[in-house]
N, C-alpha and C. Protein backbone atom coordinates (compact mmCIF):
# COMPACT_ATOMS: atom_id res chain seq x y z
N MET A 1 32.57 3.63 58.45
CA MET A 1 33.08 2.34 59.28
C MET A 1 33.48 1.43 59.29
N LYS A 2 31.76 0.67 59.54
CA LYS A 2 32.02 -0.73 59.27
C LYS A 2 31.64 -1.25 58.04
N ILE A 3 31.30 -0.55 56.96
CA ILE A 3 31.22 -0.74 55.73
C ILE A 3 33.15 -1.46 55.52
N VAL A 4 33.55 -0.48 55.50
CA VAL A 4 35.35 -0.28 55.36
C VAL A 4 35.67 -1.60 56.63
N LYS A 5 35.22 -2.25 57.42
CA LYS A 5 35.59 -2.99 58.03
C LYS A 5 35.68 -4.45 57.60
N ILE A 6 34.33 -4.83 56.78
CA ILE A 6 33.38 -5.39 56.51
C ILE A 6 34.23 -5.75 54.58
N VAL A 7 34.39 -5.18 53.86
CA VAL A 7 35.83 -4.99 52.73
C VAL A 7 37.03 -5.41 52.84
N TYR A 8 37.17 -5.16 54.23
CA TYR A 8 38.70 -5.06 54.49
C TYR A 8 38.63 -7.14 54.84
N TYR A 9 37.86 -6.96 55.58
CA TYR A 9 37.85 -8.51 56.23
C TYR A 9 37.51 -9.62 54.91
N ILE A 10 36.46 -9.14 54.02
CA ILE A 10 36.08 -10.08 52.47
C ILE A 10 37.65 -10.10 51.96
N LEU A 11 37.65 -8.80 51.57
CA LEU A 11 39.57 -8.72 50.78
C LEU A 11 40.55 -9.57 51.41
N ASP A 12 40.40 -9.76 53.12
CA ASP A 12 41.42 -10.72 54.20
C ASP A 12 41.39 -11.88 53.50
N ALA A 13 39.93 -12.26 53.49
CA ALA A 13 40.26 -13.58 53.23
C ALA A 13 39.96 -14.26 51.64
N VAL A 14 39.75 -13.38 51.08
CA VAL A 14 40.24 -13.97 49.61
C VAL A 14 41.82 -13.85 49.48
N VAL A 15 42.30 -13.50 50.25
CA VAL A 15 43.78 -13.28 49.71
C VAL A 15 44.51 -14.73 50.63
N VAL A 16 43.54 -14.92 51.68
CA VAL A 16 44.05 -15.64 52.31
C VAL A 16 43.89 -17.39 51.45
N LEU A 17 42.68 -17.44 51.45
CA LEU A 17 41.87 -18.52 49.84
C LEU A 17 43.03 -18.54 48.86
N ILE A 18 43.76 -17.38 48.52
CA ILE A 18 43.87 -17.63 47.00
C ILE A 18 45.35 -18.20 47.42
N ALA A 19 46.22 -17.40 48.76
CA ALA A 19 47.69 -18.18 49.03
C ALA A 19 47.29 -19.34 49.56
N LEU A 20 46.05 -20.18 50.21
CA LEU A 20 46.62 -21.48 50.22
C LEU A 20 45.71 -22.23 49.16
N LEU A 21 45.46 -22.04 48.42
CA LEU A 21 44.63 -22.90 46.58
C LEU A 21 46.47 -23.26 46.71
N PHE A 22 47.18 -21.73 46.27
CA PHE A 22 48.55 -21.71 45.68
C PHE A 22 49.63 -22.66 46.70
N ILE A 23 49.44 -22.71 48.27
CA ILE A 23 50.36 -23.58 48.94
C ILE A 23 50.19 -24.89 48.59
N VAL A 24 48.80 -25.27 48.64
CA VAL A 24 48.67 -26.54 48.90
C VAL A 24 48.94 -27.28 47.58
N SER A 25 48.78 -26.53 46.26
CA SER A 25 49.15 -26.90 44.86
C SER A 25 50.64 -26.81 45.06
N THR A 26 51.19 -26.91 45.45
CA THR A 26 53.06 -26.60 45.09
C THR A 26 53.64 -28.09 46.16
N PHE A 27 52.89 -28.35 46.73
CA PHE A 27 53.33 -29.97 47.43
C PHE A 27 53.45 -30.94 46.36
N PRO A 28 54.22 -31.68 46.37
CA PRO A 28 54.25 -32.73 45.18
C PRO A 28 53.65 -34.28 45.55
N ILE A 29 52.24 -33.87 45.45
CA ILE A 29 51.27 -34.84 46.07
C ILE A 29 51.18 -35.72 44.95
N ALA A 30 51.31 -36.62 44.72
CA ALA A 30 50.56 -37.58 43.40
C ALA A 30 49.26 -37.26 43.16
N GLY A 31 48.56 -36.75 41.57
CA GLY A 31 47.42 -36.54 41.33
C GLY A 31 47.23 -35.16 42.50
N ASN A 32 47.96 -34.23 42.70
CA ASN A 32 47.78 -33.60 43.22
C ASN A 32 47.15 -32.22 42.42
N TYR A 33 46.30 -31.17 42.68
CA TYR A 33 46.23 -30.32 41.41
C TYR A 33 47.55 -29.12 41.53
N LYS A 34 47.49 -28.81 40.28
CA LYS A 34 48.17 -27.07 40.21
C LYS A 34 47.42 -26.28 39.64
N VAL A 35 47.85 -25.16 40.27
CA VAL A 35 47.44 -23.78 39.81
C VAL A 35 48.66 -22.90 38.96
N LEU A 36 48.33 -22.75 37.68
CA LEU A 36 48.90 -22.05 37.11
C LEU A 36 48.94 -20.63 36.28
N THR A 37 49.40 -19.58 35.85
CA THR A 37 48.96 -18.87 35.33
C THR A 37 49.17 -18.88 33.67
N VAL A 38 48.09 -18.64 32.90
CA VAL A 38 48.22 -18.38 31.99
C VAL A 38 48.93 -17.38 31.22
N VAL A 39 49.63 -17.58 30.47
CA VAL A 39 50.32 -16.13 29.87
C VAL A 39 50.80 -16.15 28.31
N SER A 40 49.34 -16.54 27.72
CA SER A 40 49.93 -16.06 26.16
C SER A 40 47.99 -16.29 25.70
N GLY A 41 47.88 -16.14 24.60
CA GLY A 41 46.36 -15.72 24.36
C GLY A 41 46.32 -17.14 23.44
N SER A 42 46.63 -17.89 23.47
CA SER A 42 46.50 -18.64 22.16
C SER A 42 45.17 -20.08 23.03
N MET A 43 44.47 -19.42 24.03
CA MET A 43 43.18 -20.12 24.14
C MET A 43 42.73 -18.80 24.11
N GLU A 44 42.52 -17.76 23.57
CA GLU A 44 41.47 -16.62 24.12
C GLU A 44 40.50 -17.00 22.87
N PRO A 45 38.77 -17.12 22.91
CA PRO A 45 38.86 -16.26 24.20
C PRO A 45 38.52 -17.35 25.51
N SER A 46 38.40 -18.39 25.53
CA SER A 46 37.95 -19.85 26.41
C SER A 46 38.74 -19.18 27.82
N ILE A 47 39.94 -18.78 27.56
CA ILE A 47 41.22 -18.67 28.83
C ILE A 47 41.84 -17.46 28.34
N LYS A 48 41.48 -16.36 28.90
CA LYS A 48 42.34 -15.20 28.70
C LYS A 48 43.59 -14.84 29.18
N ILE A 49 44.75 -14.13 28.21
CA ILE A 49 45.61 -13.76 28.80
C ILE A 49 45.64 -13.42 30.56
N GLY A 50 46.92 -13.99 31.09
CA GLY A 50 46.43 -13.39 33.20
C GLY A 50 45.11 -14.44 33.91
N SER A 51 45.08 -15.63 33.12
CA SER A 51 43.78 -15.72 33.84
C SER A 51 44.48 -17.00 35.06
N VAL A 52 43.81 -17.23 35.76
CA VAL A 52 44.93 -18.67 36.61
C VAL A 52 43.70 -19.65 36.49
N VAL A 53 44.75 -21.05 35.69
CA VAL A 53 43.75 -22.28 36.15
C VAL A 53 43.84 -23.59 37.33
N ALA A 54 43.15 -24.36 37.54
CA ALA A 54 42.95 -24.83 38.60
C ALA A 54 43.50 -26.58 37.43
N VAL A 55 44.59 -26.92 37.61
CA VAL A 55 44.40 -28.45 36.49
C VAL A 55 44.78 -29.26 37.27
N MET A 56 44.38 -30.69 37.21
CA MET A 56 44.47 -32.23 37.99
C MET A 56 44.48 -32.79 37.02
N PRO A 57 45.16 -34.56 37.00
CA PRO A 57 45.51 -34.97 36.46
C PRO A 57 44.65 -35.89 36.25
N LYS A 58 44.27 -36.22 34.86
CA LYS A 58 43.08 -37.18 35.30
C LYS A 58 43.68 -39.05 34.70
N SER A 59 42.76 -40.16 34.27
CA SER A 59 43.35 -41.34 34.07
C SER A 59 42.99 -41.44 32.52
N ASP A 60 42.32 -40.39 32.00
CA ASP A 60 42.07 -40.02 30.42
C ASP A 60 41.63 -38.91 30.48
N TYR A 61 42.37 -38.76 28.62
CA TYR A 61 41.85 -37.71 28.40
C TYR A 61 41.07 -37.70 27.11
N LYS A 62 40.11 -36.77 26.38
CA LYS A 62 38.78 -37.33 25.24
C LYS A 62 39.79 -35.88 24.27
N ILE A 63 38.93 -35.77 23.25
CA ILE A 63 38.91 -34.59 22.33
C ILE A 63 37.52 -33.54 22.99
N GLY A 64 38.26 -32.45 23.29
CA GLY A 64 37.55 -31.23 23.47
C GLY A 64 38.27 -31.08 24.96
N ASP A 65 38.85 -31.87 25.25
CA ASP A 65 39.58 -31.56 27.32
C ASP A 65 40.52 -30.63 27.15
N ILE A 66 40.29 -29.50 27.88
CA ILE A 66 41.87 -28.68 27.38
C ILE A 66 42.56 -29.28 28.70
N ILE A 67 44.17 -29.42 28.46
CA ILE A 67 44.98 -29.96 29.04
C ILE A 67 46.08 -28.91 28.92
N THR A 68 46.94 -28.93 30.28
CA THR A 68 48.21 -28.68 30.65
C THR A 68 48.48 -29.30 30.15
N PHE A 69 50.23 -29.30 29.62
CA PHE A 69 51.18 -29.89 29.21
C PHE A 69 52.83 -29.70 29.23
N LEU A 70 53.30 -30.51 29.27
CA LEU A 70 55.23 -29.81 29.18
C LEU A 70 55.73 -30.09 27.64
N HIS A 71 56.37 -28.95 26.77
CA HIS A 71 56.56 -28.97 25.92
C HIS A 71 58.52 -28.45 25.64
N GLY A 72 59.21 -29.80 25.91
CA GLY A 72 60.60 -28.48 25.49
C GLY A 72 61.00 -28.99 27.19
N PRO A 73 61.98 -28.05 27.18
CA PRO A 73 62.79 -28.50 28.81
C PRO A 73 61.91 -27.83 29.64
N LYS A 74 61.85 -28.66 31.04
CA LYS A 74 60.81 -27.84 32.55
C LYS A 74 61.75 -26.85 32.34
N THR A 75 62.47 -26.09 32.43
CA THR A 75 62.46 -24.48 32.58
C THR A 75 61.36 -23.66 31.76
N GLU A 76 61.06 -23.89 30.86
CA GLU A 76 60.07 -23.73 30.06
C GLU A 76 58.47 -23.60 30.80
N PRO A 77 57.82 -22.70 30.40
CA PRO A 77 56.47 -22.70 30.98
C PRO A 77 55.80 -23.89 30.37
N PRO A 78 54.66 -24.18 31.28
CA PRO A 78 53.59 -25.31 30.28
C PRO A 78 52.71 -25.09 29.29
N ILE A 79 51.82 -25.28 28.69
CA ILE A 79 51.22 -24.81 27.59
C ILE A 79 50.32 -25.94 27.98
N THR A 80 49.09 -24.46 27.82
CA THR A 80 47.46 -25.05 28.05
C THR A 80 46.53 -24.74 26.83
N HIS A 81 46.23 -25.96 25.92
CA HIS A 81 45.72 -26.38 24.60
C HIS A 81 44.43 -27.05 24.78
N ARG A 82 43.42 -27.03 23.97
CA ARG A 82 42.58 -28.50 23.60
C ARG A 82 42.95 -29.24 22.79
N ILE A 83 42.81 -30.57 23.94
CA ILE A 83 43.43 -32.22 22.72
C ILE A 83 42.26 -31.74 20.82
N TYR A 84 43.03 -31.80 20.21
CA TYR A 84 42.48 -31.85 18.83
C TYR A 84 42.07 -32.85 18.26
N ASP A 85 42.86 -33.76 18.81
CA ASP A 85 43.18 -35.45 17.85
C ASP A 85 43.71 -36.49 18.81
N ILE A 86 43.45 -37.24 18.60
CA ILE A 86 44.10 -38.72 19.33
C ILE A 86 44.48 -39.85 18.46
N LYS A 87 46.30 -39.79 18.58
CA LYS A 87 45.89 -41.00 17.76
C LYS A 87 47.17 -41.84 18.93
N VAL A 88 46.92 -43.27 17.96
CA VAL A 88 47.61 -44.57 18.69
C VAL A 88 49.36 -44.54 18.05
N VAL A 89 50.29 -44.15 18.49
CA VAL A 89 51.28 -44.74 18.27
C VAL A 89 52.42 -45.53 18.84
N GLY A 90 52.98 -46.75 18.58
CA GLY A 90 53.52 -47.95 19.41
C GLY A 90 52.06 -48.37 20.44
N GLY A 91 50.95 -48.04 19.96
CA GLY A 91 50.32 -48.54 21.51
C GLY A 91 49.62 -47.87 22.54
N GLN A 92 49.89 -46.18 22.49
CA GLN A 92 50.62 -44.90 23.65
C GLN A 92 49.17 -43.99 22.72
N PRO A 93 48.71 -43.52 23.39
CA PRO A 93 48.07 -42.62 22.63
C PRO A 93 48.86 -41.14 22.23
N VAL A 94 48.93 -40.43 21.43
CA VAL A 94 49.50 -39.19 21.40
C VAL A 94 48.54 -38.01 21.29
N TYR A 95 48.50 -36.94 21.82
CA TYR A 95 47.00 -36.31 21.80
C TYR A 95 47.82 -35.23 21.07
N ILE A 96 46.92 -34.66 20.15
CA ILE A 96 47.34 -33.57 19.15
C ILE A 96 46.39 -32.58 19.43
N THR A 97 47.41 -31.12 19.79
CA THR A 97 46.43 -30.35 20.11
C THR A 97 46.64 -29.00 19.89
N LYS A 98 45.12 -28.16 20.09
CA LYS A 98 45.56 -26.96 19.27
C LYS A 98 44.99 -25.70 20.19
N GLY A 99 45.45 -24.71 19.90
CA GLY A 99 45.45 -23.57 20.83
C GLY A 99 43.68 -22.98 20.33
N ASP A 100 42.96 -22.31 20.86
CA ASP A 100 41.07 -22.01 20.22
C ASP A 100 42.07 -20.99 19.38
N ALA A 101 42.79 -20.11 19.62
CA ALA A 101 43.10 -18.80 19.10
C ALA A 101 43.97 -19.29 17.63
N ASN A 102 44.82 -20.20 17.67
CA ASN A 102 45.36 -20.72 16.45
C ASN A 102 44.52 -20.93 15.49
N LYS A 103 45.55 -20.83 14.23
CA LYS A 103 44.74 -21.69 13.22
C LYS A 103 44.73 -23.00 12.55
N SER A 104 46.07 -23.67 13.26
CA SER A 104 45.92 -24.82 13.41
C SER A 104 46.78 -25.99 14.84
N PRO A 105 46.70 -27.05 14.13
CA PRO A 105 46.83 -27.96 15.28
C PRO A 105 48.62 -27.71 16.00
N ASP A 106 48.45 -28.09 16.87
CA ASP A 106 50.12 -27.63 17.42
C ASP A 106 51.21 -29.61 16.28
N ILE A 107 52.35 -29.24 15.70
CA ILE A 107 53.00 -29.70 15.17
C ILE A 107 53.19 -30.89 15.87
N ASP A 108 54.20 -31.03 17.45
CA ASP A 108 53.97 -32.42 17.83
C ASP A 108 52.61 -32.75 18.38
N GLY A 109 52.64 -34.26 19.06
CA GLY A 109 51.92 -34.49 19.50
C GLY A 109 52.33 -34.80 20.99
N THR A 110 51.71 -34.78 21.50
CA THR A 110 52.11 -34.77 23.43
C THR A 110 51.85 -36.33 23.98
N ALA A 111 52.59 -36.78 24.35
CA ALA A 111 52.44 -38.05 25.37
C ALA A 111 51.83 -38.01 26.77
N LYS A 112 51.20 -39.03 27.13
CA LYS A 112 50.52 -39.17 28.15
C LYS A 112 51.33 -38.50 29.50
N LYS A 113 52.57 -39.14 29.29
CA LYS A 113 53.54 -38.74 30.73
C LYS A 113 54.22 -37.17 30.55
N ASP A 114 53.52 -36.32 29.45
CA ASP A 114 54.45 -35.14 29.38
C ASP A 114 52.39 -33.76 30.24
N ILE A 115 51.60 -34.90 29.95
CA ILE A 115 50.46 -33.76 30.55
C ILE A 115 50.96 -33.57 31.93
N GLU A 116 50.41 -32.90 32.35
CA GLU A 116 49.95 -32.27 33.87
C GLU A 116 48.91 -32.28 34.25
N GLY A 117 47.84 -32.39 33.21
CA GLY A 117 46.12 -32.28 34.08
C GLY A 117 45.12 -31.69 32.93
N LYS A 118 44.21 -31.62 33.05
CA LYS A 118 42.61 -31.37 32.42
C LYS A 118 42.57 -29.97 33.46
N VAL A 119 42.43 -29.52 32.61
CA VAL A 119 42.30 -27.64 33.45
C VAL A 119 40.63 -27.86 33.73
N LEU A 120 40.34 -27.37 35.37
CA LEU A 120 39.48 -27.20 36.15
C LEU A 120 38.47 -26.57 35.77
N PHE A 121 38.66 -25.48 36.08
CA PHE A 121 39.09 -24.18 35.68
C PHE A 121 39.90 -23.25 36.10
N SER A 122 38.96 -21.79 35.16
CA SER A 122 39.87 -20.76 35.43
C SER A 122 38.97 -19.62 35.65
N VAL A 123 40.11 -18.57 36.32
CA VAL A 123 39.80 -17.75 37.24
C VAL A 123 40.21 -16.32 36.25
N PRO A 124 39.43 -15.60 35.62
CA PRO A 124 40.64 -14.30 34.44
C PRO A 124 41.02 -13.26 35.12
N TYR A 125 42.10 -12.77 34.93
CA TYR A 125 42.83 -11.86 35.11
C TYR A 125 43.71 -11.88 36.49
N LEU A 126 43.41 -12.74 37.37
CA LEU A 126 43.84 -13.36 38.62
C LEU A 126 45.03 -13.87 38.70
N GLY A 127 45.85 -13.92 37.39
CA GLY A 127 47.09 -14.52 37.23
C GLY A 127 48.01 -13.41 37.55
N TYR A 128 46.77 -12.09 36.99
CA TYR A 128 48.50 -10.82 37.52
C TYR A 128 48.81 -10.23 38.66
N LEU A 129 47.68 -10.75 39.12
CA LEU A 129 47.90 -10.53 40.89
C LEU A 129 48.73 -11.33 41.93
N VAL A 130 48.61 -12.71 40.88
CA VAL A 130 49.50 -14.08 41.56
C VAL A 130 50.84 -13.35 41.24
N ASN A 131 51.18 -12.91 39.76
CA ASN A 131 52.77 -12.92 39.27
C ASN A 131 53.12 -11.25 40.21
N PHE A 132 51.77 -10.34 40.11
CA PHE A 132 52.46 -9.16 41.34
C PHE A 132 52.92 -9.86 42.90
N ILE A 133 52.16 -10.43 43.49
CA ILE A 133 52.11 -11.01 44.43
C ILE A 133 53.80 -12.06 44.57
N LYS A 134 53.82 -12.21 43.65
CA LYS A 134 55.65 -13.16 43.54
C LYS A 134 56.09 -12.29 43.65
N ASN A 135 56.39 -11.02 43.18
CA ASN A 135 57.87 -10.26 43.51
C ASN A 135 57.47 -9.38 44.95
N PRO A 136 58.73 -8.81 45.31
CA PRO A 136 58.65 -8.29 47.05
C PRO A 136 58.07 -7.26 47.60
N LEU A 137 58.17 -6.59 46.40
CA LEU A 137 56.85 -5.04 47.20
C LEU A 137 55.21 -5.66 47.12
N GLY A 138 55.26 -6.62 45.92
CA GLY A 138 53.34 -6.84 45.87
C GLY A 138 53.33 -8.52 47.65
N PHE A 139 54.40 -9.05 47.40
CA PHE A 139 53.96 -9.93 48.88
C PHE A 139 54.07 -8.64 49.52
N ILE A 140 54.85 -7.91 49.68
CA ILE A 140 54.94 -6.60 50.92
C ILE A 140 53.58 -6.01 51.33
N LEU A 141 52.72 -5.69 50.01
CA LEU A 141 51.58 -5.10 50.15
C LEU A 141 50.21 -6.33 50.43
N ILE A 142 50.25 -7.30 49.30
CA ILE A 142 49.25 -8.21 48.96
C ILE A 142 48.88 -8.69 50.51
N ILE A 143 50.60 -9.66 51.61
CA ILE A 143 50.24 -10.46 52.41
C ILE A 143 50.29 -9.69 53.74
N VAL A 144 51.80 -9.03 53.83
CA VAL A 144 52.47 -8.56 55.21
C VAL A 144 51.44 -7.52 55.62
N ALA A 145 51.27 -6.30 54.99
CA ALA A 145 50.54 -5.11 55.26
C ALA A 145 49.13 -6.00 55.75
N PRO A 146 48.17 -6.53 55.38
CA PRO A 146 47.03 -6.96 55.42
C PRO A 146 46.95 -7.33 57.07
N ALA A 147 48.15 -8.48 57.06
CA ALA A 147 48.57 -9.48 58.27
C ALA A 147 48.95 -8.25 59.40
N GLY A 148 49.59 -7.09 58.93
CA GLY A 148 50.54 -6.57 60.40
C GLY A 148 49.10 -5.98 60.26
N ILE A 149 48.45 -5.32 59.37
CA ILE A 149 47.35 -4.56 60.06
C ILE A 149 46.36 -5.43 61.24
N VAL A 150 46.03 -6.70 60.87
CA VAL A 150 44.86 -7.46 61.71
C VAL A 150 45.13 -7.94 63.12
N ILE A 151 47.51 -8.26 62.79
CA ILE A 151 47.91 -8.72 64.28
C ILE A 151 47.80 -6.87 65.12
N TYR A 152 47.88 -5.99 64.28
CA TYR A 152 47.79 -4.73 65.45
C TYR A 152 46.20 -4.54 65.79
N GLU A 153 45.25 -4.49 64.68
CA GLU A 153 44.16 -4.16 65.50
C GLU A 153 43.87 -5.23 67.23
N GLU A 154 44.41 -6.49 66.69
CA GLU A 154 44.35 -7.89 67.86
C GLU A 154 44.80 -7.17 69.36
N ILE A 155 45.74 -6.66 68.73
CA ILE A 155 46.94 -6.24 69.80
C ILE A 155 45.89 -4.88 70.69
N ARG A 156 45.89 -4.27 69.96
CA ARG A 156 44.75 -3.03 70.10
C ARG A 156 43.48 -3.63 71.00
N LYS A 157 42.99 -4.86 70.20
CA LYS A 157 41.91 -4.83 71.60
C LYS A 157 42.12 -5.84 72.47
N ILE A 158 43.03 -6.68 72.52
CA ILE A 158 43.74 -6.94 74.08
C ILE A 158 44.40 -6.27 75.34
N TYR A 159 45.03 -5.22 74.18
CA TYR A 159 45.51 -3.99 75.11
C TYR A 159 44.06 -3.21 76.13
N LYS A 160 43.47 -3.21 75.28
CA LYS A 160 41.57 -2.36 75.96
C LYS A 160 41.30 -3.12 77.07
N GLU A 161 41.16 -4.92 76.26
CA GLU A 161 40.39 -5.28 77.35
C GLU A 161 41.84 -5.52 78.70
N ILE A 162 42.96 -5.52 78.66
CA ILE A 162 43.59 -5.67 80.38
C ILE A 162 43.07 -4.01 80.84
N LYS A 163 43.24 -2.85 79.68
CA LYS A 163 43.20 -1.86 80.95
C LYS A 163 41.84 -1.46 81.37
N LYS A 164 40.64 -2.36 80.95
CA LYS A 164 39.51 -2.46 81.50
C LYS A 164 39.40 -3.56 82.61
N LYS A 165 39.62 -3.86 83.03
CA LYS A 165 40.17 -5.17 84.14
C LYS A 165 40.89 -4.67 84.91
N LYS A 166 42.14 -3.76 84.65
CA LYS A 166 42.77 -2.84 85.64
C LYS A 166 41.97 -1.14 86.28
N LYS A 167 41.04 -1.04 85.65
CA LYS A 167 40.33 -0.23 85.86
C LYS A 167 39.78 -0.26 87.87
N PRO A 168 39.82 0.45 88.52
CA PRO A 168 39.05 0.27 89.94
C PRO A 168 37.34 -0.32 90.14
N GLU A 169 36.65 -1.46 90.51
CA GLU A 169 35.47 -1.90 90.33
C GLU A 169 34.28 -0.23 90.06
N SER A 170 34.56 0.69 91.12
CA SER A 170 33.95 1.65 91.03
C SER A 170 34.40 2.96 89.63
N GLU A 171 35.48 2.64 89.63
CA GLU A 171 35.50 3.68 87.77
C GLU A 171 34.36 2.26 86.47
N GLN A 172 34.03 1.10 86.50
CA GLN A 172 33.90 0.23 85.88
C GLN A 172 32.31 0.73 85.63
N ASN A 173 32.16 0.97 87.49
CA ASN A 173 29.86 0.74 87.60
C ASN A 173 29.80 2.13 87.01
N ASP A 174 30.98 3.32 86.64
CA ASP A 174 30.42 4.53 86.62
C ASP A 174 30.14 4.37 85.26
N ASN A 175 30.84 3.73 84.37
CA ASN A 175 30.56 3.08 82.25
C ASN A 175 29.69 2.79 82.27
């Protein structure tokens, strides 16, 4: 039973850390990192489908950096590719990107203003859990249910302590 509790608390801690990571990343703070889910296999095997990537803006980018950038309307998900080449157009850098699994570079270059940031790290398959948590059933199962269990356990402990203190002293000494 003690092992089950330890595993339970470890899982709770992981869920809380993931939730905090996502909550902090949503604040619109300049220079803040973002946490995004990879939805295509264009960067495999470096970054697998369903991975979560942490991205942070940098002052400059170089060939070989893996970046996340916007391509098209803001409603489209950002793209994560490696910088393949850098060209200067009108005094400004234009980044030519390529997915590791793609045979050729992307047709359009990416301006620095469209870059969300450089990928700091990725966690394989965590994106599946994140997407599951985003739907109502997943949120209930992963966040609400464990929180409810923790609250229930704490209330039960408090109730036991209150009950213990209400016992007459003679009964407490017998135990």
